Amino acid sequence: MKIYEVTDTSLTKDEFYAMMKNFLVIAKEVLKLDRLPKIKLVDEIIMAGEQPSFGMYVQGKNILFVSLVNRHPIDILRTMAHELTHYKQDINNELNDNSGDTGSEQENEAHYMAGIIMRLFAKKYPRYMLLAPFKLQ
């Protein structure tokens, strides 16, 4: 194993969107998605009375939210992979009122699939692992 130094300190919006496009190709293939939901990139996700979260899929609305502030680009993509798994579960009518509970079958599957997607992405695009947490320019 080699030890690398972080070489990039930030991404431009165009660079981030190019990375996301490469990621979405892999995620779509792994999850066997014909189409993607609407993806909203936001500063933060605030849900009154709910556990704080970096991502959220809105069941039945085909939309997911991912927060960007003070995060590593790879972590943002991991969150996106997790929420895309919930989107796939929604398409397959596998979501219920308890799907978001810690330890639920659906939540565990979303963690599992996000891990697989991220390993495939990192293998194909290892340079993104060298990025530092970023601020969009």
N, C-alpha and C. Protein backbone atom coordinates (compact mmCIF):
# COMPACT_ATOMS: atom_id res chain seq x y z
N MET A 1 0.85 -1.17 0.00
CA MET A 1 0.00 0.00 0.00
C MET A 1 0.90 1.24 0.00
N LYS A 2 0.54 2.23 -0.81
CA LYS A 2 1.27 3.47 -0.87
C LYS A 2 0.56 4.52 -0.03
N ILE A 3 1.33 5.42 0.53
CA ILE A 3 0.75 6.54 1.25
C ILE A 3 0.82 7.74 0.32
N TYR A 4 -0.30 8.36 0.09
CA TYR A 4 -0.38 9.50 -0.82
C TYR A 4 -0.61 10.78 -0.04
N GLU A 5 -0.16 11.87 -0.61
CA GLU A 5 -0.50 13.17 -0.06
C GLU A 5 -1.69 13.72 -0.85
N VAL A 6 -2.49 14.48 -0.17
CA VAL A 6 -3.60 15.12 -0.87
C VAL A 6 -3.01 16.16 -1.81
N THR A 7 -3.37 16.07 -3.06
CA THR A 7 -2.80 16.99 -4.05
C THR A 7 -3.78 18.08 -4.46
N ASP A 8 -5.05 17.82 -4.39
CA ASP A 8 -6.05 18.80 -4.77
C ASP A 8 -6.76 19.31 -3.52
N THR A 9 -7.00 20.60 -3.48
CA THR A 9 -7.69 21.14 -2.31
C THR A 9 -9.13 21.52 -2.62
N SER A 10 -9.47 21.59 -3.88
CA SER A 10 -10.85 21.94 -4.21
C SER A 10 -11.17 21.50 -5.62
N LEU A 11 -12.44 21.51 -5.92
CA LEU A 11 -12.92 21.22 -7.26
C LEU A 11 -13.72 22.41 -7.75
N THR A 12 -13.64 22.68 -9.02
CA THR A 12 -14.56 23.65 -9.59
C THR A 12 -15.90 22.95 -9.75
N LYS A 13 -16.94 23.71 -10.00
CA LYS A 13 -18.25 23.10 -10.24
C LYS A 13 -18.19 22.15 -11.43
N ASP A 14 -17.53 22.56 -12.49
CA ASP A 14 -17.44 21.71 -13.68
C ASP A 14 -16.71 20.40 -13.39
N GLU A 15 -15.64 20.47 -12.60
CA GLU A 15 -14.91 19.25 -12.23
C GLU A 15 -15.77 18.35 -11.35
N PHE A 16 -16.50 18.95 -10.44
CA PHE A 16 -17.38 18.16 -9.58
C PHE A 16 -18.46 17.46 -10.40
N TYR A 17 -19.08 18.20 -11.32
CA TYR A 17 -20.13 17.60 -12.14
C TYR A 17 -19.58 16.52 -13.06
N ALA A 18 -18.36 16.67 -13.54
CA ALA A 18 -17.73 15.61 -14.35
C ALA A 18 -17.51 14.36 -13.50
N MET A 19 -17.04 14.55 -12.26
CA MET A 19 -16.86 13.41 -11.35
C MET A 19 -18.20 12.74 -11.08
N MET A 20 -19.23 13.54 -10.83
CA MET A 20 -20.56 13.00 -10.54
C MET A 20 -21.11 12.24 -11.74
N LYS A 21 -20.89 12.75 -12.93
CA LYS A 21 -21.35 12.05 -14.14
C LYS A 21 -20.69 10.68 -14.26
N ASN A 22 -19.39 10.61 -14.03
CA ASN A 22 -18.68 9.32 -14.05
C ASN A 22 -19.24 8.37 -13.00
N PHE A 23 -19.51 8.91 -11.83
CA PHE A 23 -20.07 8.12 -10.74
C PHE A 23 -21.45 7.58 -11.09
N LEU A 24 -22.30 8.43 -11.65
CA LEU A 24 -23.68 8.03 -11.95
C LEU A 24 -23.75 6.93 -13.00
N VAL A 25 -22.80 6.89 -13.91
CA VAL A 25 -22.76 5.80 -14.89
C VAL A 25 -22.58 4.47 -14.16
N ILE A 26 -21.67 4.44 -13.20
CA ILE A 26 -21.41 3.20 -12.44
C ILE A 26 -22.61 2.87 -11.55
N ALA A 27 -23.13 3.85 -10.84
CA ALA A 27 -24.26 3.60 -9.94
C ALA A 27 -25.47 3.07 -10.71
N LYS A 28 -25.74 3.68 -11.85
CA LYS A 28 -26.88 3.24 -12.67
C LYS A 28 -26.71 1.79 -13.11
N GLU A 29 -25.51 1.43 -13.47
CA GLU A 29 -25.24 0.06 -13.93
C GLU A 29 -25.38 -0.93 -12.78
N VAL A 30 -24.77 -0.63 -11.66
CA VAL A 30 -24.82 -1.55 -10.50
C VAL A 30 -26.25 -1.73 -10.01
N LEU A 31 -27.00 -0.64 -9.93
CA LEU A 31 -28.37 -0.71 -9.41
C LEU A 31 -29.39 -1.10 -10.48
N LYS A 32 -28.91 -1.25 -11.72
CA LYS A 32 -29.78 -1.62 -12.84
C LYS A 32 -30.94 -0.63 -12.98
N LEU A 33 -30.59 0.65 -13.03
CA LEU A 33 -31.58 1.71 -13.16
C LEU A 33 -31.71 2.11 -14.63
N ASP A 34 -32.94 2.20 -15.10
CA ASP A 34 -33.19 2.69 -16.46
C ASP A 34 -33.11 4.21 -16.52
N ARG A 35 -33.46 4.84 -15.41
CA ARG A 35 -33.45 6.31 -15.35
C ARG A 35 -33.07 6.71 -13.93
N LEU A 36 -32.69 7.96 -13.79
CA LEU A 36 -32.30 8.49 -12.49
C LEU A 36 -33.41 9.38 -11.93
N PRO A 37 -33.46 9.50 -10.62
CA PRO A 37 -34.40 10.46 -10.03
C PRO A 37 -33.83 11.87 -10.20
N LYS A 38 -34.59 12.86 -9.84
CA LYS A 38 -34.08 14.22 -9.78
C LYS A 38 -33.14 14.28 -8.58
N ILE A 39 -31.97 14.87 -8.78
CA ILE A 39 -30.97 14.96 -7.72
C ILE A 39 -30.77 16.43 -7.39
N LYS A 40 -31.03 16.79 -6.14
CA LYS A 40 -30.85 18.17 -5.69
C LYS A 40 -29.65 18.22 -4.76
N LEU A 41 -28.68 19.04 -5.14
CA LEU A 41 -27.49 19.26 -4.31
C LEU A 41 -27.74 20.51 -3.48
N VAL A 42 -27.66 20.36 -2.17
CA VAL A 42 -28.01 21.45 -1.26
C VAL A 42 -26.89 21.67 -0.25
N ASP A 43 -26.92 22.83 0.40
CA ASP A 43 -25.92 23.13 1.43
C ASP A 43 -26.07 22.19 2.62
N GLU A 44 -27.30 22.02 3.07
CA GLU A 44 -27.56 21.13 4.21
C GLU A 44 -29.01 20.67 4.16
N ILE A 45 -29.27 19.60 4.88
CA ILE A 45 -30.62 19.04 4.95
C ILE A 45 -31.11 19.22 6.38
N ILE A 46 -32.19 19.95 6.52
CA ILE A 46 -32.77 20.18 7.85
C ILE A 46 -34.17 19.60 7.85
N MET A 47 -34.38 18.63 8.74
CA MET A 47 -35.70 18.00 8.87
C MET A 47 -36.12 18.13 10.33
N ALA A 48 -37.13 18.90 10.57
CA ALA A 48 -37.59 19.15 11.94
C ALA A 48 -37.87 17.84 12.66
N GLY A 49 -37.27 17.69 13.84
CA GLY A 49 -37.53 16.53 14.67
C GLY A 49 -36.90 15.24 14.18
N GLU A 50 -36.14 15.29 13.13
CA GLU A 50 -35.53 14.09 12.57
C GLU A 50 -34.04 14.05 12.91
N GLN A 51 -33.47 12.87 12.78
CA GLN A 51 -32.03 12.70 12.94
C GLN A 51 -31.32 13.46 11.82
N PRO A 52 -30.24 14.19 12.13
CA PRO A 52 -29.51 14.89 11.07
C PRO A 52 -29.04 13.91 9.99
N SER A 53 -28.97 14.38 8.76
CA SER A 53 -28.62 13.49 7.66
C SER A 53 -27.89 14.25 6.57
N PHE A 54 -27.03 13.55 5.84
CA PHE A 54 -26.34 14.13 4.69
C PHE A 54 -27.11 13.87 3.40
N GLY A 55 -28.12 13.02 3.45
CA GLY A 55 -28.89 12.71 2.26
C GLY A 55 -30.30 12.30 2.61
N MET A 56 -31.17 12.39 1.60
CA MET A 56 -32.56 12.02 1.83
C MET A 56 -33.22 11.70 0.48
N TYR A 57 -33.90 10.57 0.43
CA TYR A 57 -34.72 10.24 -0.73
C TYR A 57 -36.17 10.44 -0.32
N VAL A 58 -36.95 11.12 -1.16
CA VAL A 58 -38.36 11.36 -0.87
C VAL A 58 -39.19 10.30 -1.59
N GLN A 59 -39.70 9.36 -0.82
CA GLN A 59 -40.46 8.24 -1.36
C GLN A 59 -41.64 8.71 -2.19
N GLY A 60 -41.78 8.10 -3.35
CA GLY A 60 -42.90 8.39 -4.23
C GLY A 60 -42.74 9.66 -5.06
N LYS A 61 -41.72 10.45 -4.79
CA LYS A 61 -41.52 11.71 -5.50
C LYS A 61 -40.36 11.64 -6.51
N ASN A 62 -39.59 10.55 -6.48
CA ASN A 62 -38.45 10.38 -7.38
C ASN A 62 -37.47 11.56 -7.32
N ILE A 63 -37.16 11.96 -6.09
CA ILE A 63 -36.21 13.05 -5.88
C ILE A 63 -35.35 12.72 -4.67
N LEU A 64 -34.07 13.02 -4.80
CA LEU A 64 -33.19 12.84 -3.65
C LEU A 64 -32.39 14.11 -3.43
N PHE A 65 -32.04 14.32 -2.18
CA PHE A 65 -31.27 15.49 -1.76
C PHE A 65 -29.95 15.00 -1.18
N VAL A 66 -28.88 15.72 -1.49
CA VAL A 66 -27.57 15.41 -0.93
C VAL A 66 -26.92 16.72 -0.51
N SER A 67 -26.43 16.76 0.74
CA SER A 67 -25.77 17.98 1.21
C SER A 67 -24.30 17.97 0.82
N LEU A 68 -23.76 19.18 0.59
CA LEU A 68 -22.40 19.32 0.08
C LEU A 68 -21.42 19.94 1.06
N VAL A 69 -21.88 20.73 2.01
CA VAL A 69 -21.01 21.58 2.80
C VAL A 69 -20.03 20.77 3.66
N ASN A 70 -18.76 21.16 3.58
CA ASN A 70 -17.67 20.60 4.41
C ASN A 70 -17.58 19.08 4.35
N ARG A 71 -17.69 18.54 3.15
CA ARG A 71 -17.62 17.09 3.00
C ARG A 71 -16.59 16.73 1.95
N HIS A 72 -16.07 15.54 2.07
CA HIS A 72 -15.16 15.02 1.04
C HIS A 72 -16.01 14.62 -0.16
N PRO A 73 -15.54 14.89 -1.38
CA PRO A 73 -16.31 14.53 -2.57
C PRO A 73 -16.72 13.06 -2.61
N ILE A 74 -15.85 12.18 -2.15
CA ILE A 74 -16.17 10.74 -2.16
C ILE A 74 -17.32 10.45 -1.19
N ASP A 75 -17.35 11.14 -0.06
CA ASP A 75 -18.43 10.94 0.89
C ASP A 75 -19.76 11.43 0.32
N ILE A 76 -19.72 12.50 -0.44
CA ILE A 76 -20.93 12.99 -1.11
C ILE A 76 -21.45 11.93 -2.06
N LEU A 77 -20.56 11.32 -2.83
CA LEU A 77 -20.97 10.28 -3.77
C LEU A 77 -21.49 9.04 -3.04
N ARG A 78 -20.87 8.71 -1.91
CA ARG A 78 -21.34 7.55 -1.13
C ARG A 78 -22.77 7.80 -0.65
N THR A 79 -23.04 9.01 -0.20
CA THR A 79 -24.40 9.35 0.20
C THR A 79 -25.35 9.23 -0.98
N MET A 80 -24.91 9.69 -2.13
CA MET A 80 -25.74 9.61 -3.33
C MET A 80 -26.03 8.14 -3.67
N ALA A 81 -25.02 7.27 -3.56
CA ALA A 81 -25.22 5.85 -3.83
C ALA A 81 -26.24 5.26 -2.86
N HIS A 82 -26.15 5.64 -1.61
CA HIS A 82 -27.09 5.16 -0.58
C HIS A 82 -28.52 5.58 -0.95
N GLU A 83 -28.69 6.85 -1.27
CA GLU A 83 -30.03 7.36 -1.59
C GLU A 83 -30.54 6.81 -2.92
N LEU A 84 -29.66 6.57 -3.88
CA LEU A 84 -30.08 5.94 -5.13
C LEU A 84 -30.58 4.52 -4.89
N THR A 85 -30.01 3.85 -3.90
CA THR A 85 -30.51 2.52 -3.55
C THR A 85 -31.93 2.62 -3.02
N HIS A 86 -32.21 3.64 -2.21
CA HIS A 86 -33.58 3.83 -1.74
C HIS A 86 -34.52 4.14 -2.92
N TYR A 87 -34.04 4.87 -3.89
CA TYR A 87 -34.83 5.14 -5.10
C TYR A 87 -35.16 3.82 -5.80
N LYS A 88 -34.17 2.95 -5.93
CA LYS A 88 -34.40 1.63 -6.56
C LYS A 88 -35.41 0.82 -5.73
N GLN A 89 -35.29 0.88 -4.42
CA GLN A 89 -36.24 0.18 -3.55
C GLN A 89 -37.65 0.73 -3.75
N ASP A 90 -37.78 2.03 -3.93
CA ASP A 90 -39.07 2.65 -4.16
C ASP A 90 -39.67 2.16 -5.48
N ILE A 91 -38.86 2.11 -6.52
CA ILE A 91 -39.31 1.60 -7.82
C ILE A 91 -39.84 0.18 -7.68
N ASN A 92 -39.17 -0.61 -6.83
CA ASN A 92 -39.55 -2.02 -6.63
C ASN A 92 -40.61 -2.20 -5.54
N ASN A 93 -41.20 -1.09 -5.06
CA ASN A 93 -42.22 -1.13 -4.00
C ASN A 93 -41.75 -1.86 -2.75
N GLU A 94 -40.49 -1.61 -2.36
CA GLU A 94 -39.90 -2.27 -1.19
C GLU A 94 -39.83 -1.36 0.03
N LEU A 95 -40.25 -0.11 -0.10
CA LEU A 95 -40.16 0.82 1.02
C LEU A 95 -41.45 0.81 1.83
N ASN A 96 -41.30 1.03 3.14
CA ASN A 96 -42.46 1.15 4.02
C ASN A 96 -42.15 2.21 5.08
N ASP A 97 -43.03 2.40 6.02
CA ASP A 97 -42.86 3.45 7.03
C ASP A 97 -41.62 3.25 7.90
N ASN A 98 -41.11 2.02 7.99
CA ASN A 98 -39.96 1.73 8.84
C ASN A 98 -38.67 1.54 8.06
N SER A 99 -38.71 1.79 6.76
CA SER A 99 -37.54 1.54 5.91
C SER A 99 -36.31 2.35 6.31
N GLY A 100 -36.51 3.54 6.82
CA GLY A 100 -35.39 4.39 7.19
C GLY A 100 -34.83 4.13 8.58
N ASP A 101 -35.42 3.18 9.30
CA ASP A 101 -34.96 2.87 10.65
C ASP A 101 -33.58 2.22 10.62
N THR A 102 -32.75 2.58 11.58
CA THR A 102 -31.44 1.96 11.72
C THR A 102 -31.61 0.45 11.86
N GLY A 103 -30.90 -0.29 11.02
CA GLY A 103 -30.96 -1.75 11.07
C GLY A 103 -32.05 -2.37 10.22
N SER A 104 -32.90 -1.56 9.59
CA SER A 104 -33.95 -2.13 8.75
C SER A 104 -33.31 -2.79 7.53
N GLU A 105 -34.02 -3.71 6.93
CA GLU A 105 -33.53 -4.40 5.73
C GLU A 105 -33.19 -3.41 4.63
N GLN A 106 -34.04 -2.42 4.42
CA GLN A 106 -33.82 -1.44 3.35
C GLN A 106 -32.62 -0.54 3.65
N GLU A 107 -32.48 -0.13 4.89
CA GLU A 107 -31.35 0.73 5.27
C GLU A 107 -30.03 -0.04 5.17
N ASN A 108 -30.04 -1.28 5.61
CA ASN A 108 -28.82 -2.10 5.51
C ASN A 108 -28.45 -2.35 4.05
N GLU A 109 -29.44 -2.58 3.20
CA GLU A 109 -29.15 -2.78 1.79
C GLU A 109 -28.56 -1.50 1.17
N ALA A 110 -29.07 -0.34 1.57
CA ALA A 110 -28.55 0.92 1.03
C ALA A 110 -27.09 1.12 1.43
N HIS A 111 -26.74 0.78 2.66
CA HIS A 111 -25.34 0.86 3.09
C HIS A 111 -24.47 -0.11 2.29
N TYR A 112 -24.94 -1.31 2.15
CA TYR A 112 -24.23 -2.38 1.44
C TYR A 112 -23.98 -1.99 -0.02
N MET A 113 -25.02 -1.55 -0.71
CA MET A 113 -24.90 -1.20 -2.13
C MET A 113 -24.01 0.04 -2.31
N ALA A 114 -24.11 0.99 -1.40
CA ALA A 114 -23.24 2.17 -1.48
C ALA A 114 -21.78 1.76 -1.38
N GLY A 115 -21.48 0.81 -0.52
CA GLY A 115 -20.11 0.32 -0.40
C GLY A 115 -19.61 -0.32 -1.69
N ILE A 116 -20.44 -1.13 -2.30
CA ILE A 116 -20.07 -1.78 -3.56
C ILE A 116 -19.84 -0.74 -4.65
N ILE A 117 -20.77 0.17 -4.79
CA ILE A 117 -20.66 1.20 -5.83
C ILE A 117 -19.39 2.03 -5.62
N MET A 118 -19.11 2.41 -4.39
CA MET A 118 -17.94 3.24 -4.13
C MET A 118 -16.64 2.50 -4.38
N ARG A 119 -16.58 1.23 -4.08
CA ARG A 119 -15.36 0.47 -4.37
C ARG A 119 -15.12 0.38 -5.87
N LEU A 120 -16.18 0.16 -6.65
CA LEU A 120 -16.03 0.11 -8.10
C LEU A 120 -15.62 1.47 -8.65
N PHE A 121 -16.20 2.54 -8.12
CA PHE A 121 -15.85 3.89 -8.56
C PHE A 121 -14.39 4.21 -8.22
N ALA A 122 -13.97 3.90 -7.00
CA ALA A 122 -12.59 4.18 -6.59
C ALA A 122 -11.58 3.39 -7.40
N LYS A 123 -11.94 2.18 -7.78
CA LYS A 123 -11.03 1.37 -8.60
C LYS A 123 -10.88 1.99 -10.00
N LYS A 124 -11.96 2.48 -10.56
CA LYS A 124 -11.92 3.05 -11.91
C LYS A 124 -11.36 4.47 -11.91
N TYR A 125 -11.61 5.23 -10.84
CA TYR A 125 -11.19 6.63 -10.76
C TYR A 125 -10.42 6.89 -9.45
N PRO A 126 -9.27 6.27 -9.26
CA PRO A 126 -8.55 6.41 -7.98
C PRO A 126 -8.11 7.83 -7.66
N ARG A 127 -7.97 8.67 -8.67
CA ARG A 127 -7.49 10.04 -8.41
C ARG A 127 -8.45 10.82 -7.51
N TYR A 128 -9.73 10.47 -7.54
CA TYR A 128 -10.69 11.19 -6.70
C TYR A 128 -10.49 10.90 -5.22
N MET A 129 -9.85 9.79 -4.91
CA MET A 129 -9.59 9.46 -3.51
C MET A 129 -8.55 10.40 -2.91
N LEU A 130 -7.80 11.10 -3.75
CA LEU A 130 -6.74 11.99 -3.28
C LEU A 130 -7.23 13.40 -2.97
N LEU A 131 -8.48 13.67 -3.23
CA LEU A 131 -9.01 15.00 -3.00
C LEU A 131 -9.18 15.30 -1.52
N ALA A 132 -9.07 16.57 -1.20
CA ALA A 132 -9.38 17.03 0.15
C ALA A 132 -10.84 17.43 0.19
N PRO A 133 -11.41 17.60 1.38
CA PRO A 133 -12.76 18.16 1.44
C PRO A 133 -12.75 19.47 0.65
N PHE A 134 -13.82 19.75 -0.02
CA PHE A 134 -13.79 20.87 -0.97
C PHE A 134 -14.88 21.88 -0.74
N LYS A 135 -14.68 22.98 -1.39
CA LYS A 135 -15.68 24.04 -1.46
C LYS A 135 -15.90 24.27 -2.93
N LEU A 136 -17.13 24.29 -3.38
CA LEU A 136 -17.41 24.56 -4.78
C LEU A 136 -16.98 25.98 -5.11
N GLN A 137 -16.34 26.14 -6.27
CA GLN A 137 -15.89 27.47 -6.69
C GLN A 137 -16.80 28.02 -7.74
